[in-house]
């Protein structure tokens, strides 16, 4: 029986996505405080990517490899 590490499971992937969202939130707050639009944009893109990770993996990537 093969043992998978925590970050190789679905829960681990979602935990990484949550951590990315938390880091992006800090970037956005820092960007708003220092009046840096670049930090806000990077933080926003990180949040969008982390939120779209799960649906893209389930509906696109897993279905392509299942064939």
Protein backbone atom coordinates (compact mmCIF):
# COMPACT_ATOMS: atom_id res chain seq x y z
CA UNK A 1 0.00 0.00 0.00
CA UNK A 2 1.43 3.33 -1.08
CA UNK A 3 1.62 6.19 1.42
CA UNK A 4 1.01 9.69 0.06
CA UNK A 5 2.24 12.77 1.87
CA UNK A 6 -0.32 15.27 3.09
CA UNK A 7 0.47 17.82 0.39
CA UNK A 8 -0.07 15.19 -2.31
CA UNK A 9 -3.71 14.68 -1.29
CA UNK A 10 -6.72 16.79 -2.24
CA UNK A 11 -6.85 18.32 1.25
CA UNK A 12 -3.18 19.22 0.99
CA UNK A 13 -3.69 20.95 -2.35
CA UNK A 14 -6.57 22.97 -0.94
CA UNK A 15 -4.44 23.88 2.08
CA UNK A 16 -1.76 25.24 -0.24
CA UNK A 17 -4.43 27.23 -2.10
CA UNK A 18 -5.61 28.69 1.22
CA UNK A 19 -2.06 29.67 2.16
CA UNK A 20 -1.63 31.37 -1.21
CA UNK A 21 -4.83 33.34 -0.59
CA UNK A 22 -3.58 34.35 2.88
CA UNK A 23 -0.25 35.58 1.44
CA UNK A 24 -2.10 37.43 -1.32
CA UNK A 25 -4.27 39.16 1.27
CA UNK A 26 -1.15 40.41 3.05
CA UNK A 27 0.23 41.64 -0.29
CA UNK A 28 -2.98 43.52 -1.05
CA UNK A 29 -3.08 45.16 2.38
CA UNK A 30 0.59 46.13 2.08
CA UNK A 31 -0.02 47.51 -1.41
CA UNK A 32 -2.95 49.59 -0.21
CA UNK A 33 -0.93 50.94 2.69
CA UNK A 34 2.06 51.91 0.56
CA UNK A 35 -0.04 53.08 -2.40
CA UNK A 36 1.46 50.40 -4.66
CA UNK A 37 -0.87 49.28 -7.42
CA UNK A 38 1.54 46.56 -8.50
CA UNK A 39 1.31 44.72 -5.18
CA UNK A 40 -2.47 44.91 -5.25
CA UNK A 41 -2.55 43.52 -8.78
CA UNK A 42 -0.20 40.65 -7.93
CA UNK A 43 -2.24 39.82 -4.82
CA UNK A 44 -5.48 39.87 -6.79
CA UNK A 45 -4.05 37.57 -9.46
CA UNK A 46 -2.79 35.18 -6.78
CA UNK A 47 -6.27 35.03 -5.23
CA UNK A 48 -7.91 34.40 -8.60
CA UNK A 49 -5.42 31.64 -9.43
CA UNK A 50 -5.85 29.96 -6.04
CA UNK A 51 -9.64 30.07 -6.26
CA UNK A 52 -9.69 28.68 -9.80
CA UNK A 53 -7.21 25.87 -9.04
CA UNK A 54 -9.74 23.36 -7.72
CA UNK A 55 -12.39 23.69 -10.46
CA UNK A 56 -9.78 23.65 -13.22
CA UNK A 57 -8.12 20.56 -11.76
CA UNK A 58 -11.40 18.67 -11.29
CA UNK A 59 -13.14 19.57 -14.54
CA UNK A 60 -10.23 19.89 -16.96
CA UNK A 61 -6.97 18.31 -15.83
CA UNK A 62 -8.39 15.17 -14.18
CA UNK A 63 -10.72 14.52 -17.12
CA UNK A 64 -7.89 14.80 -19.62
CA UNK A 65 -5.76 12.26 -17.71
CA UNK A 66 -8.70 9.90 -17.08
CA UNK A 67 -8.98 9.05 -20.79
